[in-house]
C-alpha atoms as a PDB file:
ATOM      1  CA  MET A   1      -0.034  -0.066  -0.092  1.00  0.00           C
ATOM      2  CA  THR A   2       1.320   3.536  -0.935  1.00  0.00           C
ATOM      3  CA  GLU A   3       1.880   5.894   1.914  1.00  0.00           C
ATOM      4  CA  PHE A   4       0.884   9.543   1.010  1.00  0.00           C
ATOM      5  CA  SER A   5       2.981  12.312   2.314  1.00  0.00           C
ATOM      6  CA  ILE A   6       0.401  15.029   3.231  1.00  0.00           C
ATOM      7  CA  ILE A   7       1.306  18.719   2.649  1.00  0.00           C
ATOM      8  CA  LYS A   8      -1.225  20.787   4.443  1.00  0.00           C
ATOM      9  CA  LYS A   9      -1.668  24.643   4.455  1.00  0.00           C
ATOM     10  CA  VAL A  10      -4.962  25.801   5.871  1.00  0.00           C
ATOM     11  CA  TRP A  11      -5.965  29.166   7.247  1.00  0.00           C
ATOM     12  CA  LEU A  12      -8.335  29.011   9.933  1.00  0.00           C
ATOM     13  CA  HIS A  13     -10.652  31.827  11.412  1.00  0.00           C
ATOM     14  CA  ILE A  14     -11.308  30.468  15.010  1.00  0.00           C
ATOM     15  CA  VAL A  15     -13.712  32.295  17.411  1.00  0.00           C
ATOM     16  CA  LEU A  16     -13.660  31.129  21.198  1.00  0.00           C
ATOM     17  CA  GLN A  17     -16.503  32.704  23.365  1.00  0.00           C
ATOM     18  CA  THR A  18     -16.131  32.791  27.181  1.00  0.00           C
ATOM     19  CA  ASN A  19     -18.556  30.521  28.925  1.00  0.00           C
ATOM     20  CA  ASN A  20     -22.085  32.054  28.944  1.00  0.00           C
ATOM     21  CA  ARG A  21     -20.509  34.876  26.995  1.00  0.00           C
ATOM     22  CA  LEU A  22     -19.531  36.372  30.290  1.00  0.00           C
ATOM     23  CA  PRO A  23     -17.179  39.567  30.058  1.00  0.00           C
ATOM     24  CA  LEU A  24     -14.405  37.987  31.709  1.00  0.00           C
ATOM     25  CA  ILE A  25     -11.384  39.077  29.533  1.00  0.00           C
ATOM     26  CA  LEU A  26     -10.624  42.291  31.139  1.00  0.00           C
ATOM     27  CA  PRO A  27      -8.489  45.031  29.665  1.00  0.00           C
ATOM     28  CA  GLU A  28      -5.829  44.530  32.242  1.00  0.00           C
ATOM     29  CA  MET A  29      -5.289  40.891  31.225  1.00  0.00           C
ATOM     30  CA  GLU A  30      -6.059  41.051  27.512  1.00  0.00           C
ATOM     31  CA  LYS A  31      -2.399  41.251  26.535  1.00  0.00           C
ATOM     32  CA  ASP A  32      -1.435  38.087  28.633  1.00  0.00           C
ATOM     33  CA  VAL A  33      -4.477  36.204  27.555  1.00  0.00           C
ATOM     34  CA  TYR A  34      -3.582  36.848  23.886  1.00  0.00           C
ATOM     35  CA  ALA A  35       0.123  35.700  24.778  1.00  0.00           C
ATOM     36  CA  THR A  36      -1.222  32.611  26.249  1.00  0.00           C
ATOM     37  CA  LEU A  37      -3.314  31.699  23.339  1.00  0.00           C
ATOM     38  CA  ARG A  38      -0.261  32.429  20.943  1.00  0.00           C
ATOM     39  CA  GLU A  39       1.745  30.037  23.127  1.00  0.00           C
ATOM     40  CA  CYS A  40      -0.872  27.384  23.275  1.00  0.00           C
ATOM     41  CA  CYS A  41      -1.356  27.524  19.639  1.00  0.00           C
ATOM     42  CA  LYS A  42       2.363  27.002  19.068  1.00  0.00           C
ATOM     43  CA  ASN A  43       2.316  23.970  21.168  1.00  0.00           C
ATOM     44  CA  VAL A  44       0.026  22.319  18.643  1.00  0.00           C
ATOM     45  CA  SER A  45       1.970  23.683  15.525  1.00  0.00           C
ATOM     46  CA  LEU A  46      -0.721  26.406  14.830  1.00  0.00           C
ATOM     47  CA  GLN A  47       0.957  29.779  13.764  1.00  0.00           C
ATOM     48  CA  VAL A  48      -1.143  32.632  14.923  1.00  0.00           C
ATOM     49  CA  SER A  49      -1.215  35.583  12.519  1.00  0.00           C
ATOM     50  CA  GLU A  50      -3.724  37.788  14.193  1.00  0.00           C
ATOM     51  CA  ILE A  51      -5.733  37.832  17.616  1.00  0.00           C
ATOM     52  CA  GLY A  52      -8.553  40.225  18.237  1.00  0.00           C
ATOM     53  CA  GLY A  53     -11.523  40.321  20.605  1.00  0.00           C
ATOM     54  CA  THR A  54     -13.648  41.700  23.206  1.00  0.00           C
ATOM     55  CA  PRO A  55     -14.297  40.780  26.872  1.00  0.00           C
ATOM     56  CA  ASP A  56     -16.585  37.863  26.040  1.00  0.00           C
ATOM     57  CA  HIS A  57     -15.041  36.352  22.747  1.00  0.00           C
ATOM     58  CA  ILE A  58     -11.657  36.238  20.728  1.00  0.00           C
ATOM     59  CA  HIS A  59     -11.157  35.726  17.182  1.00  0.00           C
ATOM     60  CA  LEU A  60      -7.994  34.186  15.756  1.00  0.00           C
ATOM     61  CA  LEU A  61      -6.459  33.669  12.331  1.00  0.00           C
ATOM     62  CA  VAL A  62      -4.031  30.750  12.295  1.00  0.00           C
ATOM     63  CA  LEU A  63      -2.179  28.810   9.874  1.00  0.00           C
ATOM     64  CA  ASP A  64      -2.382  25.056  10.201  1.00  0.00           C
ATOM     65  CA  GLU A  65       0.440  23.180   8.508  1.00  0.00           C
ATOM     66  CA  ASP A  66       0.347  20.274  11.095  1.00  0.00           C
ATOM     67  CA  LYS A  67      -0.550  16.820  10.153  1.00  0.00           C
ATOM     68  CA  SER A  68      -2.930  16.443  13.089  1.00  0.00           C
ATOM     69  CA  SER A  69      -6.621  17.037  12.650  1.00  0.00           C
ATOM     70  CA  VAL A  70      -7.894  20.525  12.944  1.00  0.00           C
ATOM     71  CA  SER A  71     -10.367  19.445  15.655  1.00  0.00           C
ATOM     72  CA  PHE A  72      -7.485  17.839  17.672  1.00  0.00           C
ATOM     73  CA  ASN A  73      -5.381  21.071  17.269  1.00  0.00           C
ATOM     74  CA  VAL A  74      -8.226  23.474  18.145  1.00  0.00           C
ATOM     75  CA  GLN A  75      -9.301  21.532  21.084  1.00  0.00           C
ATOM     76  CA  SER A  76      -6.004  21.033  22.538  1.00  0.00           C
ATOM     77  CA  PHE A  77      -4.910  24.617  22.570  1.00  0.00           C
ATOM     78  CA  ALA A  78      -8.445  25.769  23.842  1.00  0.00           C
ATOM     79  CA  LEU A  79      -8.319  23.398  26.731  1.00  0.00           C
ATOM     80  CA  GLU A  80      -4.620  24.396  27.635  1.00  0.00           C
ATOM     81  CA  SER A  81      -5.213  28.071  27.268  1.00  0.00           C
ATOM     82  CA  ALA A  82      -8.285  27.832  29.534  1.00  0.00           C
ATOM     83  CA  ALA A  83      -6.248  26.087  32.261  1.00  0.00           C
ATOM     84  CA  VAL A  84      -3.380  28.610  31.889  1.00  0.00           C
ATOM     85  CA  ILE A  85      -5.649  31.562  32.056  1.00  0.00           C
ATOM     86  CA  ASN A  86      -7.325  30.148  35.288  1.00  0.00           C
ATOM     87  CA  GLU A  87      -4.231  29.717  36.783  1.00  0.00           C
ATOM     88  CA  LYS A  88      -3.061  33.141  36.111  1.00  0.00           C
ATOM     89  CA  HIS A  89      -6.112  35.261  36.370  1.00  0.00           C
ATOM     90  CA  PHE A  90      -8.896  33.092  38.122  1.00  0.00           C
ATOM     91  CA  LYS A  91      -7.537  31.316  41.061  1.00  0.00           C
ATOM     92  CA  ALA A  92     -11.000  29.755  41.732  1.00  0.00           C
ATOM     93  CA  GLY A  93     -11.096  28.098  38.395  1.00  0.00           C
ATOM     94  CA  SER A  94     -14.149  29.883  37.049  1.00  0.00           C
ATOM     95  CA  PHE A  95     -12.848  30.699  33.482  1.00  0.00           C
ATOM     96  CA  ALA A  96     -13.644  28.474  30.669  1.00  0.00           C
ATOM     97  CA  TRP A  97     -14.368  28.687  26.989  1.00  0.00           C
ATOM     98  CA  HIS A  98     -17.881  27.876  25.773  1.00  0.00           C
ATOM     99  CA  SER A  99     -17.986  24.405  24.534  1.00  0.00           C
ATOM    100  CA  GLN A 100     -18.839  25.457  20.983  1.00  0.00           C
ATOM    101  CA  VAL A 101     -15.939  26.577  19.177  1.00  0.00           C
ATOM    102  CA  TYR A 102     -16.393  28.055  15.664  1.00  0.00           C
ATOM    103  CA  VAL A 103     -13.665  27.276  13.057  1.00  0.00           C
ATOM    104  CA  TYR A 104     -13.934  28.706   9.437  1.00  0.00           C
ATOM    105  CA  SER A 105     -11.609  27.928   6.708  1.00  0.00           C
ATOM    106  CA  VAL A 106     -10.052  30.982   5.100  1.00  0.00           C
ATOM    107  CA  SER A 107      -8.657  31.084   1.512  1.00  0.00           C
ATOM    108  CA  HIS A 108      -5.041  32.305   1.197  1.00  0.00           C
ATOM    109  CA  SER A 109      -6.440  35.305  -0.878  1.00  0.00           C
ATOM    110  CA  GLN A 110      -8.644  36.457   2.024  1.00  0.00           C
ATOM    111  CA  ALA A 111      -6.379  35.847   4.823  1.00  0.00           C
ATOM    112  CA  GLN A 112      -5.287  39.475   5.018  1.00  0.00           C
ATOM    113  CA  LYS A 113      -8.740  40.721   5.042  1.00  0.00           C
ATOM    114  CA  VAL A 114      -9.773  38.415   7.702  1.00  0.00           C
ATOM    115  CA  GLY A 115      -6.753  39.422   9.602  1.00  0.00           C
ATOM    116  CA  GLU A 116      -7.934  42.981   9.381  1.00  0.00           C
ATOM    117  CA  TYR A 117     -11.455  42.192  10.546  1.00  0.00           C
ATOM    118  CA  ILE A 118      -9.903  40.229  13.475  1.00  0.00           C
ATOM    119  CA  ALA A 119      -7.457  43.313  14.469  1.00  0.00           C
ATOM    120  CA  ASN A 120     -10.437  45.504  14.415  1.00  0.00           C
ATOM    121  CA  GLN A 121     -12.666  43.630  16.814  1.00  0.00           C
ATOM    122  CA  LYS A 122     -12.926  46.405  19.341  1.00  0.00           C
ATOM    123  CA  GLU A 123     -13.925  49.003  16.786  1.00  0.00           C
ATOM    124  CA  ILE A 124     -16.430  46.596  15.113  1.00  0.00           C
ATOM    125  CA  HIS A 125     -18.212  45.723  18.469  1.00  0.00           C
ATOM    126  CA  LYS A 126     -18.899  49.430  19.371  1.00  0.00           C
ATOM    127  CA  THR A 127     -21.821  49.074  17.024  1.00  0.00           C
ATOM    128  CA  ARG A 128     -22.163  45.180  16.782  1.00  0.00           C
ATOM    129  CA  ASN A 129     -23.521  42.682  19.213  1.00  0.00           C
ATOM    130  CA  SER A 130     -21.160  39.776  19.602  1.00  0.00           C
ATOM    131  CA  LYS A 131     -24.069  37.134  19.831  1.00  0.00           C
ATOM    132  CA  LYS A 132     -25.320  38.505  16.421  1.00  0.00           C
ATOM    133  CA  GLU A 133     -21.962  38.196  14.936  1.00  0.00           C
ATOM    134  CA  ILE A 134     -21.696  34.686  15.816  1.00  0.00           C
ATOM    135  CA  GLU A 135     -25.102  33.912  14.508  1.00  0.00           C
ATOM    136  CA  GLU A 136     -24.351  35.871  11.313  1.00  0.00           C
ATOM    137  CA  PHE A 137     -20.946  33.763  10.869  1.00  0.00           C
ATOM    138  CA  ALA A 138     -22.763  30.505  11.485  1.00  0.00           C
ATOM    139  CA  ALA A 139     -25.520  31.342   8.982  1.00  0.00           C
ATOM    140  CA  LEU A 140     -23.001  32.297   6.441  1.00  0.00           C
ATOM    141  CA  HIS A 141     -21.072  29.364   6.818  1.00  0.00           C
ATOM    142  CA  GLN A 142     -24.220  27.106   6.952  1.00  0.00           C
ATOM    143  CA  LEU A 143     -23.096  25.894  10.434  1.00  0.00           C
ATOM    144  CA  ASN A 144     -25.725  24.274  12.879  1.00  0.00           C
ATOM    145  CA  GLY A 145     -25.251  24.364  16.721  1.00  0.00           C
END
């Protein structure tokens, strides 16, 4: 049987929401939370291009060239990052990501545009509700859940 060498280069737009959409990512911890997400992504070979968000959710644009499955990598970095964020900022262990994580594929030609959207999250959410944003993305990408 022939063994194939898989070459993978997939851009992913990932949206993590805090559990119950609580505004837990405070301005004073945001920089550290983003650094934690970058490190946890790196641990599963996801390369973070952009991170942006609000107190109740975070968007990431990542490049996945790893041979592991997307689901495995995303779940791994989400679980690890929640544990680290809890340890650093929520001593009672009260921080968690919502159990639904949205992952959208992004074509290489659109990666810069998506990165700009992610970088401008604070400005976007001055006039746009995060719950509505998630619903619109889910509908646009025909996701159920």
